[in-house]
Amino acid sequence: MPAVNRIKKPVTRKGKIAILKKEPKLVENAKEALYLKGNRASQTVISLMKDLYDLKKPNVQMMKQKNDILPFEDITPAERLASKYNASLFMIALHNKKRPNNLVMGRMYEHTLLDMIEFGIENYKSLKDFKVEKITLGIKPLLIFNGELFENNREYGRIKSLLVDMFLREEVQKIRLQGLEHVLSFTALENTILLRSYRILLKKSNTRIPRIELEEIGPRADLVCRRNKIASDDLFKQACKKPKALKVKTKKNISKDTLGTTFGRIHVGAQNINSIQTKKMKGLKKTLSEKNAQKRKTNDANNDNAKKLKEISD
């Protein structure tokens, strides 16, 4: 049911537009993120969150006031704020004696919690500590995931999916080489994920393809995996389900290879090669034995027809 046809309908035109923006679409916009501060948050976590805020702009909102939110005890306040600001991603900075420098990342599905991971921040170095040239605002980052754990471990696979959602922007069909300026690298170790950020430098080379160099620009942090709340496989499958209108209909006898080349298969009926008119060449002429065999076939066919006619007349 459309969002406008609710029990309590919007009164103003502005309210109606705001509700229509929250309606589900076939092609969704870039996911919005909401960055929050808990009642107690260390300067280390707040600085890292501000650095990630600068990298995520403009698809992010940061709340200036502190919020009384403990997501692993009660996620309802975070769900309410995410629904209010139409954000499907959230990040919360926390700190306490038992879990110092705590950063919680999560995502919503239909304004309810889907996945949530708690990280401890270690070996942090901010953007300002790297005295190098920075990237352009709003650049789409190139995400790199290193380590077998991202492929073989279920928990790390969900963390990878969450990080992709957190830093992904609009999907593009073509990539311009000069548009690749920023790399976010995630390396999976035992119970730790190394976050690194680089700027891509295109150097001169003797070929048409430039030589690539990476220059670290920050932030740099080691994310220690602490607690998590991962959705069940059924709920995760439902959240990843695509509308039928977006599914590509398969066409019969048409396929594509890995390079994108289209191949078509044509089904031809049975053909009588002997009756095809060919160019008169010595190599294509029938031999004497073939001519005699064809005469015998013709005579046998004529004899059979004569017998049938005789039987009918009798």
Protein backbone atom coordinates (compact mmCIF):
# COMPACT_ATOMS: atom_id res chain seq x y z
CA MET A 1 0.00 0.00 0.00
CA PRO A 2 1.41 3.44 -0.87
CA ALA A 3 2.73 5.48 2.02
CA VAL A 4 0.31 8.34 1.28
CA ASN A 5 -2.81 6.17 1.72
CA ARG A 6 -2.34 5.91 5.48
CA ILE A 7 -4.88 6.23 8.27
CA LYS A 8 -3.37 9.60 9.21
CA LYS A 9 -2.90 11.43 5.92
CA PRO A 10 -0.45 14.33 5.53
CA VAL A 11 -2.00 17.78 5.82
CA THR A 12 0.54 19.91 3.95
CA ARG A 13 2.13 19.49 0.54
CA LYS A 14 5.58 19.46 2.12
CA GLY A 15 4.56 16.60 4.40
CA LYS A 16 3.21 14.64 1.44
CA ILE A 17 6.50 15.06 -0.44
CA ALA A 18 8.46 13.92 2.63
CA ILE A 19 6.33 10.77 2.89
CA LEU A 20 6.61 10.02 -0.83
CA LYS A 21 10.40 10.14 -0.54
CA LYS A 22 10.21 7.30 1.99
CA GLU A 23 8.19 5.09 -0.34
CA PRO A 24 9.93 1.99 -1.70
CA LYS A 25 11.35 2.40 -5.21
CA LEU A 26 12.42 -0.05 -7.87
CA VAL A 27 15.84 1.60 -7.99
CA GLU A 28 16.67 2.92 -4.53
CA ASN A 29 18.71 6.05 -3.93
CA ALA A 30 22.12 5.95 -2.25
CA LYS A 31 21.73 4.71 1.32
CA GLU A 32 21.75 7.41 3.97
CA ALA A 33 23.72 6.97 7.18
CA LEU A 34 23.08 8.41 10.65
CA TYR A 35 26.05 9.02 12.98
CA LEU A 36 25.23 9.25 16.71
CA LYS A 37 27.09 9.90 19.96
CA GLY A 38 26.26 7.96 23.11
CA ASN A 39 26.10 9.43 26.59
CA ARG A 40 29.74 8.53 27.05
CA ALA A 41 32.06 8.59 24.03
CA SER A 42 35.84 8.88 23.93
CA GLN A 43 37.61 11.45 21.78
CA THR A 44 39.28 8.66 19.78
CA VAL A 45 35.96 7.20 18.59
CA ILE A 46 34.45 10.63 17.93
CA SER A 47 37.49 11.62 15.82
CA LEU A 48 37.30 8.40 13.80
CA MET A 49 33.58 8.88 13.26
CA LYS A 50 34.21 12.47 12.06
CA ASP A 51 36.85 11.18 9.62
CA LEU A 52 34.41 8.58 8.27
CA TYR A 53 31.79 11.33 8.11
CA ASP A 54 34.08 13.37 5.84
CA LEU A 55 34.58 10.32 3.58
CA LYS A 56 30.87 9.48 3.50
CA LYS A 57 29.56 12.98 2.63
CA PRO A 58 26.98 13.93 1.40
CA ASN A 59 24.96 10.75 2.16
CA VAL A 60 25.32 11.06 5.95
CA GLN A 61 23.94 13.05 8.88
CA MET A 62 25.75 13.53 12.18
CA MET A 63 23.78 14.31 15.32
CA LYS A 64 25.52 16.90 17.52
CA GLN A 65 23.69 16.06 20.75
CA LYS A 66 24.41 13.03 22.89
CA ASN A 67 21.85 10.22 22.89
CA ASP A 68 21.03 7.77 25.63
CA ILE A 69 21.42 4.69 23.41
CA LEU A 70 22.80 1.27 24.32
CA PRO A 71 22.15 -0.62 21.08
CA PHE A 72 22.84 -4.14 22.38
CA GLU A 73 20.46 -3.61 25.32
CA ASP A 74 17.72 -1.62 23.52
CA ILE A 75 17.84 -0.76 19.81
CA THR A 76 14.45 0.99 19.77
CA PRO A 77 15.82 4.59 20.08
CA ALA A 78 18.18 4.01 17.15
CA GLU A 79 15.35 2.52 15.05
CA ARG A 80 13.15 5.51 15.83
CA LEU A 81 15.84 8.02 14.80
CA ALA A 82 16.67 6.04 11.65
CA SER A 83 12.99 6.05 10.65
CA LYS A 84 12.71 9.79 11.37
CA TYR A 85 15.70 10.72 9.18
CA ASN A 86 15.03 7.98 6.58
CA ALA A 87 18.45 6.41 7.18
CA SER A 88 19.08 2.71 6.65
CA LEU A 89 22.61 2.79 8.13
CA PHE A 90 23.80 3.98 11.52
CA MET A 91 27.01 4.38 13.50
CA ILE A 92 27.20 4.98 17.26
CA ALA A 93 30.25 6.15 19.24
CA LEU A 94 30.40 4.73 22.80
CA HIS A 95 32.92 4.31 25.62
CA ASN A 96 32.99 2.56 28.98
CA LYS A 97 35.48 0.88 31.25
CA LYS A 98 34.64 -2.63 30.12
CA ARG A 99 34.60 -1.80 26.39
CA PRO A 100 36.70 1.33 25.74
CA ASN A 101 36.71 3.15 22.38
CA ASN A 102 33.58 1.41 21.14
CA LEU A 103 32.18 1.93 17.63
CA VAL A 104 28.90 0.24 16.64
CA MET A 105 27.94 -0.09 12.96
CA GLY A 106 24.58 -1.39 11.82
CA ARG A 107 21.91 -1.37 9.14
CA MET A 108 18.13 -1.45 9.05
CA TYR A 109 15.55 -3.33 7.03
CA GLU A 110 12.08 -1.76 6.95
CA HIS A 111 13.14 0.49 9.87
CA THR A 112 14.03 -2.48 12.08
CA LEU A 113 17.47 -3.82 12.93
CA LEU A 114 19.04 -6.23 10.43
CA ASP A 115 22.76 -6.49 11.31
CA MET A 116 24.89 -4.80 13.96
CA ILE A 117 28.62 -5.14 14.73
CA GLU A 118 30.59 -3.71 17.65
CA PHE A 119 34.24 -2.75 17.08
CA GLY A 120 36.98 -1.68 19.44
CA ILE A 121 39.30 1.01 18.04
CA GLU A 122 43.06 0.51 18.33
CA ASN A 123 46.14 2.11 16.69
CA TYR A 124 44.08 5.03 15.44
CA LYS A 125 45.62 7.78 13.28
CA SER A 126 43.35 10.55 12.01
CA LEU A 127 43.09 12.33 8.66
CA LYS A 128 44.83 15.41 10.09
CA ASP A 129 47.87 13.38 11.13
CA PHE A 130 48.67 12.60 7.48
CA LYS A 131 50.23 15.77 6.02
CA VAL A 132 49.42 14.93 2.40
CA GLU A 133 47.00 16.11 -0.25
CA LYS A 134 43.44 14.85 0.34
CA ILE A 135 40.79 13.58 -2.10
CA THR A 136 37.87 15.44 -3.65
CA LEU A 137 34.63 15.56 -1.63
CA GLY A 138 31.99 13.02 -2.65
CA ILE A 139 34.35 10.71 -4.56
CA LYS A 140 33.10 7.13 -4.92
CA PRO A 141 35.66 4.93 -3.09
CA LEU A 142 37.16 1.74 -4.44
CA LEU A 143 36.63 -0.97 -1.78
CA ILE A 144 39.23 -3.72 -1.38
CA PHE A 145 38.77 -6.69 0.96
CA ASN A 146 41.86 -8.77 1.76
CA GLY A 147 41.84 -12.07 3.59
CA GLU A 148 40.23 -15.49 3.28
CA LEU A 149 38.03 -14.88 6.32
CA PHE A 150 35.77 -12.59 4.28
CA GLU A 151 34.96 -15.55 2.00
CA ASN A 152 35.09 -18.55 4.34
CA ASN A 153 33.64 -17.19 7.59
CA ARG A 154 29.89 -16.42 7.87
CA GLU A 155 30.37 -13.64 10.43
CA TYR A 156 33.11 -11.94 8.44
CA GLY A 157 31.02 -12.31 5.28
CA ARG A 158 28.22 -10.31 6.93
CA ILE A 159 30.74 -7.72 8.14
CA LYS A 160 31.99 -7.36 4.57
CA SER A 161 28.41 -6.89 3.35
CA LEU A 162 27.81 -4.26 6.06
CA LEU A 163 31.00 -2.34 5.17
CA VAL A 164 30.03 -2.37 1.48
CA ASP A 165 26.63 -0.91 2.37
CA MET A 166 28.22 1.67 4.66
CA PHE A 167 30.64 3.12 2.08
CA LEU A 168 28.85 2.35 -1.19
CA ARG A 169 27.39 5.21 -3.23
CA GLU A 170 25.32 5.22 -6.41
CA GLU A 171 25.85 2.31 -8.77
CA VAL A 172 27.55 3.26 -12.03
CA GLN A 173 27.65 1.47 -15.38
CA LYS A 174 30.99 2.85 -16.59
CA ILE A 175 34.16 3.87 -14.75
CA ARG A 176 36.51 6.63 -15.85
CA LEU A 177 40.15 5.98 -14.96
CA GLN A 178 40.74 9.56 -13.84
CA GLY A 179 37.70 9.28 -11.55
CA LEU A 180 39.40 6.64 -9.37
CA GLU A 181 40.98 8.72 -6.61
CA HIS A 182 40.21 6.93 -3.36
CA VAL A 183 40.81 3.38 -2.05
CA LEU A 184 39.42 1.94 1.19
CA SER A 185 41.22 -1.25 2.16
CA PHE A 186 39.92 -3.78 4.73
CA THR A 187 42.24 -6.62 5.76
CA ALA A 188 40.75 -9.47 7.80
CA LEU A 189 42.93 -10.97 10.53
CA GLU A 190 41.93 -13.17 13.45
CA ASN A 191 39.32 -11.13 15.38
CA THR A 192 40.60 -7.85 13.80
CA ILE A 193 39.96 -5.84 10.62
CA LEU A 194 42.61 -3.36 9.49
CA LEU A 195 41.12 -0.16 8.00
CA ARG A 196 43.39 1.78 5.64
CA SER A 197 42.64 4.70 3.29
CA TYR A 198 44.72 5.63 0.23
CA ARG A 199 44.77 8.20 -2.54
CA ILE A 200 45.42 6.86 -6.06
CA LEU A 201 48.27 8.53 -7.94
CA LEU A 202 48.46 8.13 -11.72
CA LYS A 203 52.13 8.29 -12.79
CA LYS A 204 53.64 8.42 -16.27
CA SER A 205 54.62 5.17 -17.94
CA ASN A 206 55.85 4.01 -21.34
CA THR A 207 52.42 2.57 -22.16
CA ARG A 208 48.91 3.97 -22.54
CA ILE A 209 48.04 2.66 -19.08
CA PRO A 210 49.49 4.84 -16.32
CA ARG A 211 51.55 3.49 -13.45
CA ILE A 212 49.50 3.29 -10.24
CA GLU A 213 50.82 4.29 -6.82
CA LEU A 214 48.96 4.47 -3.49
CA GLU A 215 49.55 7.20 -0.92
CA GLU A 216 48.04 6.74 2.54
CA ILE A 217 45.85 9.69 3.54
CA GLY A 218 44.06 8.31 6.60
CA PRO A 219 42.20 7.49 8.66
CA ARG A 220 44.02 4.41 9.89
CA ALA A 221 42.53 2.13 12.55
CA ASP A 222 42.45 -1.48 13.73
CA LEU A 223 38.86 -2.61 14.27
CA VAL A 224 38.69 -5.34 16.92
CA CYS A 225 35.51 -7.40 16.54
CA ARG A 226 33.65 -7.61 19.85
CA ARG A 227 29.90 -8.29 19.84
CA ASN A 228 27.47 -8.71 16.97
CA LYS A 229 23.80 -9.23 16.18
CA ILE A 230 23.45 -10.90 12.80
CA ALA A 231 20.11 -11.50 11.12
CA SER A 232 18.97 -15.04 10.39
CA ASP A 233 19.55 -16.45 6.92
CA ASP A 234 15.84 -16.25 6.06
CA LEU A 235 15.56 -12.59 7.05
CA PHE A 236 18.80 -11.71 5.27
CA LYS A 237 17.58 -13.48 2.12
CA GLN A 238 14.30 -11.55 2.28
CA ALA A 239 16.18 -8.25 2.72
CA CYS A 240 18.31 -8.99 -0.36
CA LYS A 241 15.34 -9.98 -2.51
CA LYS A 242 15.02 -7.96 -5.73
CA PRO A 243 11.69 -6.87 -7.26
CA LYS A 244 10.45 -8.94 -10.18
CA ALA A 245 10.47 -5.86 -12.42
CA LEU A 246 14.27 -5.58 -12.04
CA LYS A 247 15.01 -9.23 -12.79
CA VAL A 248 16.55 -9.72 -16.23
CA LYS A 249 14.41 -12.03 -18.33
CA THR A 250 16.44 -14.77 -19.95
CA LYS A 251 16.03 -15.10 -23.71
CA LYS A 252 16.15 -18.49 -25.32
CA ASN A 253 19.25 -19.44 -27.29
CA ILE A 254 21.07 -16.20 -26.34
CA SER A 255 24.04 -16.21 -23.98
CA LYS A 256 26.97 -14.01 -22.97
CA ASP A 257 30.53 -14.90 -22.08
CA THR A 258 32.65 -13.39 -19.32
CA LEU A 259 33.81 -10.57 -21.64
CA GLY A 260 30.24 -9.52 -22.46
CA THR A 261 30.15 -10.90 -26.03
CA THR A 262 26.65 -12.01 -27.06
CA PHE A 263 26.21 -15.39 -28.72
CA GLY A 264 23.07 -16.65 -30.49
CA ARG A 265 22.14 -20.25 -31.27
CA ILE A 266 20.18 -21.01 -34.46
CA HIS A 267 18.33 -24.31 -34.86
CA VAL A 268 18.23 -25.49 -38.49
CA GLY A 269 15.94 -28.27 -39.67
CA ALA A 270 17.04 -31.48 -41.36
CA GLN A 271 18.55 -30.85 -44.79
CA ASN A 272 18.86 -33.21 -47.76
CA ILE A 273 22.39 -32.59 -48.90
CA ASN A 274 22.03 -34.74 -52.01
CA SER A 275 19.36 -32.45 -53.44
CA ILE A 276 21.38 -29.24 -52.98
CA GLN A 277 22.54 -27.70 -56.26
CA THR A 278 26.33 -27.40 -56.15
CA LYS A 279 28.82 -25.96 -58.56
CA LYS A 280 29.70 -28.41 -61.31
CA MET A 281 33.21 -29.55 -60.48
CA LYS A 282 35.02 -32.75 -61.26
CA GLY A 283 35.54 -33.43 -57.59
CA LEU A 284 31.77 -33.20 -56.96
CA LYS A 285 30.73 -35.49 -59.83
CA LYS A 286 29.17 -38.84 -58.87
CA THR A 287 31.23 -41.96 -59.40
CA LEU A 288 30.00 -44.90 -61.52
CA SER A 289 29.12 -46.94 -58.45
CA GLU A 290 27.06 -44.05 -57.03
CA LYS A 291 25.19 -43.69 -60.34
CA ASN A 292 24.43 -47.45 -60.47
CA ALA A 293 23.24 -47.41 -56.84
CA GLN A 294 20.92 -44.48 -57.58
CA LYS A 295 19.53 -46.32 -60.68
CA ARG A 296 18.86 -49.43 -58.59
CA LYS A 297 17.01 -47.33 -56.01
CA THR A 298 14.92 -45.72 -58.77
CA ASN A 299 14.12 -49.09 -60.39
CA ASP A 300 13.15 -50.63 -57.06
CA ALA A 301 10.88 -47.69 -56.32
CA ASN A 302 9.24 -47.99 -59.74
CA ASN A 303 8.71 -51.76 -59.29
CA ASP A 304 7.11 -51.21 -55.89
CA ASN A 305 4.75 -48.63 -57.36
CA ALA A 306 3.83 -50.98 -60.21
CA LYS A 307 3.03 -53.81 -57.78
CA LYS A 308 0.82 -51.54 -55.67
CA LEU A 309 -1.08 -50.37 -58.75
CA LYS A 310 -1.60 -53.99 -59.88
CA GLU A 311 -2.89 -55.03 -56.49
CA ILE A 312 -5.32 -52.09 -56.47
CA SER A 313 -6.59 -52.97 -59.96
CA ASP A 314 -7.10 -56.65 -59.06
